[in-house]
């Protein structure tokens, strides 16, 4: 039994399109991350930490 070459197997694999639910999850994740970064930036500007 021979060991399959991973790169060759990946090249032979067919490209599968994203499902609609996967697109929604990606959009929600990116949106949540951006919103939380903005909130963190606003909090940091309003309450700066002095050391």
PDB file of N, CA and C in Angstrom:
ATOM      1  N   UNK A   1       0.848  -1.175   0.000  1.00  0.00           N
ATOM      2  CA  UNK A   1       0.000   0.000   0.000  1.00  0.00           C
ATOM      3  C   UNK A   1       0.898   1.244   0.000  1.00  0.00           C
ATOM      4  N   UNK A   2       0.675   2.139  -0.935  1.00  0.00           N
ATOM      5  CA  UNK A   2       1.511   3.332  -1.043  1.00  0.00           C
ATOM      6  C   UNK A   2       0.872   4.492  -0.285  1.00  0.00           C
ATOM      7  N   UNK A   3       1.720   5.390   0.199  1.00  0.00           N
ATOM      8  CA  UNK A   3       1.243   6.581   0.904  1.00  0.00           C
ATOM      9  C   UNK A   3       0.802   7.613  -0.120  1.00  0.00           C
ATOM     10  N   UNK A   4      -0.404   8.156   0.019  1.00  0.00           N
ATOM     11  CA  UNK A   4      -0.858   9.179  -0.934  1.00  0.00           C
ATOM     12  C   UNK A   4      -0.109  10.489  -0.721  1.00  0.00           C
ATOM     13  N   UNK A   5       0.167  11.161  -1.797  1.00  0.00           N
ATOM     14  CA  UNK A   5       0.805  12.468  -1.739  1.00  0.00           C
ATOM     15  C   UNK A   5      -0.297  13.501  -1.471  1.00  0.00           C
ATOM     16  N   UNK A   6      -0.194  14.229  -0.369  1.00  0.00           N
ATOM     17  CA  UNK A   6      -1.253  15.147   0.048  1.00  0.00           C
ATOM     18  C   UNK A   6      -1.466  16.257  -0.986  1.00  0.00           C
ATOM     19  N   UNK A   7      -0.386  16.808  -1.520  1.00  0.00           N
ATOM     20  CA  UNK A   7      -0.515  17.882  -2.509  1.00  0.00           C
ATOM     21  C   UNK A   7      -1.253  17.385  -3.750  1.00  0.00           C
ATOM     22  N   UNK A   8      -0.957  16.172  -4.160  1.00  0.00           N
ATOM     23  CA  UNK A   8      -1.611  15.603  -5.343  1.00  0.00           C
ATOM     24  C   UNK A   8      -3.099  15.378  -5.075  1.00  0.00           C
ATOM     25  N   UNK A   9      -3.420  14.895  -3.887  1.00  0.00           N
ATOM     26  CA  UNK A   9      -4.819  14.669  -3.533  1.00  0.00           C
ATOM     27  C   UNK A   9      -5.598  15.978  -3.481  1.00  0.00           C
ATOM     28  N   UNK A  10      -4.974  17.041  -2.983  1.00  0.00           N
ATOM     29  CA  UNK A  10      -5.646  18.348  -2.922  1.00  0.00           C
ATOM     30  C   UNK A  10      -5.889  18.875  -4.328  1.00  0.00           C
ATOM     31  N   UNK A  11      -4.924  18.690  -5.229  1.00  0.00           N
ATOM     32  CA  UNK A  11      -5.092  19.143  -6.618  1.00  0.00           C
ATOM     33  C   UNK A  11      -6.222  18.392  -7.314  1.00  0.00           C
ATOM     34  N   UNK A  12      -6.399  17.120  -6.989  1.00  0.00           N
ATOM     35  CA  UNK A  12      -7.431  16.318  -7.642  1.00  0.00           C
ATOM     36  C   UNK A  12      -8.822  16.592  -7.074  1.00  0.00           C
ATOM     37  N   UNK A  13      -8.908  17.134  -5.883  1.00  0.00           N
ATOM     38  CA  UNK A  13     -10.204  17.368  -5.236  1.00  0.00           C
ATOM     39  C   UNK A  13     -10.983  18.447  -5.976  1.00  0.00           C
ATOM     40  N   UNK A  14     -12.284  18.238  -6.075  1.00  0.00           N
ATOM     41  CA  UNK A  14     -13.136  19.219  -6.724  1.00  0.00           C
ATOM     42  C   UNK A  14     -13.423  20.379  -5.779  1.00  0.00           C
ATOM     43  N   UNK A  15     -13.564  21.564  -6.350  1.00  0.00           N
ATOM     44  CA  UNK A  15     -13.881  22.749  -5.548  1.00  0.00           C
ATOM     45  C   UNK A  15     -15.368  22.736  -5.238  1.00  0.00           C
ATOM     46  N   UNK A  16     -15.689  22.854  -3.965  1.00  0.00           N
ATOM     47  CA  UNK A  16     -17.085  22.874  -3.551  1.00  0.00           C
ATOM     48  C   UNK A  16     -17.474  24.300  -3.180  1.00  0.00           C
ATOM     49  N   UNK A  17     -18.582  24.796  -3.724  1.00  0.00           N
ATOM     50  CA  UNK A  17     -19.008  26.155  -3.373  1.00  0.00           C
ATOM     51  C   UNK A  17     -19.486  26.205  -1.921  1.00  0.00           C
ATOM     52  N   UNK A  18     -19.412  27.396  -1.337  1.00  0.00           N
ATOM     53  CA  UNK A  18     -19.885  27.571   0.033  1.00  0.00           C
ATOM     54  C   UNK A  18     -21.406  27.474   0.070  1.00  0.00           C
ATOM     55  N   UNK A  19     -21.904  26.859   1.119  1.00  0.00           N
ATOM     56  CA  UNK A  19     -23.345  26.787   1.320  1.00  0.00           C
ATOM     57  C   UNK A  19     -23.837  28.141   1.815  1.00  0.00           C
ATOM     58  N   UNK A  20     -25.114  28.449   1.590  1.00  0.00           N
ATOM     59  CA  UNK A  20     -25.647  29.736   2.064  1.00  0.00           C
ATOM     60  C   UNK A  20     -25.459  29.942   3.572  1.00  0.00           C
ATOM     61  N   UNK A  21     -25.621  28.883   4.364  1.00  0.00           N
ATOM     62  CA  UNK A  21     -25.454  29.032   5.815  1.00  0.00           C
ATOM     63  C   UNK A  21     -23.997  29.330   6.151  1.00  0.00           C
ATOM     64  N   UNK A  22     -23.064  28.791   5.382  1.00  0.00           N
ATOM     65  CA  UNK A  22     -21.654  29.083   5.623  1.00  0.00           C
ATOM     66  C   UNK A  22     -21.346  30.542   5.313  1.00  0.00           C
ATOM     67  N   UNK A  23     -21.958  31.059   4.250  1.00  0.00           N
ATOM     68  CA  UNK A  23     -21.764  32.476   3.910  1.00  0.00           C
ATOM     69  C   UNK A  23     -22.319  33.374   5.013  1.00  0.00           C
ATOM     70  N   UNK A  24     -23.486  32.988   5.560  1.00  0.00           N
ATOM     71  CA  UNK A  24     -24.076  33.775   6.646  1.00  0.00           C
ATOM     72  C   UNK A  24     -23.196  33.733   7.889  1.00  0.00           C
ATOM     73  N   UNK A  25     -22.647  32.568   8.199  1.00  0.00           N
ATOM     74  CA  UNK A  25     -21.773  32.457   9.369  1.00  0.00           C
ATOM     75  C   UNK A  25     -20.515  33.300   9.207  1.00  0.00           C
ATOM     76  N   UNK A  26     -19.950  33.306   8.013  1.00  0.00           N
ATOM     77  CA  UNK A  26     -18.760  34.127   7.748  1.00  0.00           C
ATOM     78  C   UNK A  26     -19.100  35.604   7.909  1.00  0.00           C
ATOM     79  N   UNK A  27     -20.230  36.015   7.336  1.00  0.00           N
ATOM     80  CA  UNK A  27     -20.637  37.420   7.423  1.00  0.00           C
ATOM     81  C   UNK A  27     -20.893  37.823   8.875  1.00  0.00           C
ATOM     82  N   UNK A  28     -21.586  36.983   9.630  1.00  0.00           N
ATOM     83  CA  UNK A  28     -21.860  37.287  11.042  1.00  0.00           C
ATOM     84  C   UNK A  28     -20.568  37.366  11.847  1.00  0.00           C
ATOM     85  N   UNK A  29     -19.649  36.465  11.580  1.00  0.00           N
ATOM     86  CA  UNK A  29     -18.379  36.466  12.317  1.00  0.00           C
ATOM     87  C   UNK A  29     -17.575  37.727  12.025  1.00  0.00           C
ATOM     88  N   UNK A  30     -17.472  38.085  10.755  1.00  0.00           N
ATOM     89  CA  UNK A  30     -16.739  39.305  10.399  1.00  0.00           C
ATOM     90  C   UNK A  30     -17.428  40.540  10.960  1.00  0.00           C
ATOM     91  N   UNK A  31     -18.743  40.585  10.846  1.00  0.00           N
ATOM     92  CA  UNK A  31     -19.495  41.728  11.373  1.00  0.00           C
ATOM     93  C   UNK A  31     -19.328  41.875  12.868  1.00  0.00           C
ATOM     94  N   UNK A  32     -19.433  40.763  13.580  1.00  0.00           N
ATOM     95  CA  UNK A  32     -19.270  40.798  15.034  1.00  0.00           C
ATOM     96  C   UNK A  32     -17.870  41.252  15.413  1.00  0.00           C
ATOM     97  N   UNK A  33     -16.867  40.750  14.718  1.00  0.00           N
ATOM     98  CA  UNK A  33     -15.489  41.142  15.008  1.00  0.00           C
ATOM     99  C   UNK A  33     -15.248  42.618  14.785  1.00  0.00           C
ATOM    100  N   UNK A  34     -15.767  43.146  13.685  1.00  0.00           N
ATOM    101  CA  UNK A  34     -15.578  44.569  13.384  1.00  0.00           C
ATOM    102  C   UNK A  34     -16.303  45.439  14.407  1.00  0.00           C
ATOM    103  N   UNK A  35     -17.538  45.076  14.743  1.00  0.00           N
ATOM    104  CA  UNK A  35     -18.302  45.842  15.735  1.00  0.00           C
ATOM    105  C   UNK A  35     -17.590  45.835  17.082  1.00  0.00           C
ATOM    106  N   UNK A  36     -17.096  44.682  17.501  1.00  0.00           N
ATOM    107  CA  UNK A  36     -16.401  44.616  18.792  1.00  0.00           C
ATOM    108  C   UNK A  36     -15.102  45.418  18.776  1.00  0.00           C
ATOM    109  N   UNK A  37     -14.392  45.425  17.656  1.00  0.00           N
ATOM    110  CA  UNK A  37     -13.186  46.250  17.562  1.00  0.00           C
ATOM    111  C   UNK A  37     -13.516  47.735  17.679  1.00  0.00           C
ATOM    112  N   UNK A  38     -14.598  48.163  17.047  1.00  0.00           N
ATOM    113  CA  UNK A  38     -15.005  49.568  17.131  1.00  0.00           C
ATOM    114  C   UNK A  38     -15.386  49.912  18.567  1.00  0.00           C
ATOM    115  N   UNK A  39     -16.145  49.046  19.216  1.00  0.00           N
ATOM    116  CA  UNK A  39     -16.534  49.288  20.611  1.00  0.00           C
ATOM    117  C   UNK A  39     -15.298  49.366  21.500  1.00  0.00           C
ATOM    118  N   UNK A  40     -14.359  48.464  21.316  1.00  0.00           N
ATOM    119  CA  UNK A  40     -13.129  48.490  22.099  1.00  0.00           C
ATOM    120  C   UNK A  40     -12.344  49.782  21.857  1.00  0.00           C
ATOM    121  N   UNK A  41     -12.296  50.223  20.602  1.00  0.00           N
ATOM    122  CA  UNK A  41     -11.610  51.481  20.291  1.00  0.00           C
ATOM    123  C   UNK A  41     -12.258  52.678  20.965  1.00  0.00           C
ATOM    124  N   UNK A  42     -13.583  52.700  20.962  1.00  0.00           N
ATOM    125  CA  UNK A  42     -14.305  53.810  21.603  1.00  0.00           C
ATOM    126  C   UNK A  42     -14.067  53.790  23.108  1.00  0.00           C
ATOM    127  N   UNK A  43     -14.149  52.629  23.718  1.00  0.00           N
ATOM    128  CA  UNK A  43     -13.912  52.516  25.167  1.00  0.00           C
ATOM    129  C   UNK A  43     -12.500  52.951  25.500  1.00  0.00           C
ATOM    130  N   UNK A  44     -11.524  52.555  24.680  1.00  0.00           N
ATOM    131  CA  UNK A  44     -10.137  52.926  24.931  1.00  0.00           C
ATOM    132  C   UNK A  44      -9.943  54.444  24.828  1.00  0.00           C
ATOM    133  N   UNK A  45     -10.628  55.069  23.887  1.00  0.00           N
ATOM    134  CA  UNK A  45     -10.516  56.529  23.749  1.00  0.00           C
ATOM    135  C   UNK A  45     -11.199  57.261  24.909  1.00  0.00           C
ATOM    136  N   UNK A  46     -12.314  56.730  25.390  1.00  0.00           N
ATOM    137  CA  UNK A  46     -13.043  57.392  26.473  1.00  0.00           C
ATOM    138  C   UNK A  46     -12.381  57.190  27.821  1.00  0.00           C
ATOM    139  N   UNK A  47     -11.809  56.008  28.032  1.00  0.00           N
ATOM    140  CA  UNK A  47     -11.189  55.676  29.324  1.00  0.00           C
ATOM    141  C   UNK A  47      -9.764  55.192  29.114  1.00  0.00           C
ATOM    142  N   UNK A  48      -8.846  56.114  28.815  1.00  0.00           N
ATOM    143  CA  UNK A  48      -7.462  55.684  28.576  1.00  0.00           C
ATOM    144  C   UNK A  48      -6.810  55.151  29.873  1.00  0.00           C
ATOM    145  N   UNK A  49      -5.943  54.184  29.702  1.00  0.00           N
ATOM    146  CA  UNK A  49      -5.245  53.586  30.842  1.00  0.00           C
ATOM    147  C   UNK A  49      -3.948  54.352  31.059  1.00  0.00           C
ATOM    148  N   UNK A  50      -3.739  54.822  32.266  1.00  0.00           N
ATOM    149  CA  UNK A  50      -2.504  55.514  32.591  1.00  0.00           C
ATOM    150  C   UNK A  50      -1.691  54.648  33.538  1.00  0.00           C
ATOM    151  N   UNK A  51      -0.482  54.430  33.153  1.00  0.00           N
ATOM    152  CA  UNK A  51       0.392  53.554  33.966  1.00  0.00           C
ATOM    153  C   UNK A  51       1.465  54.390  34.640  1.00  0.00           C
TER     154      UNK A  51
END
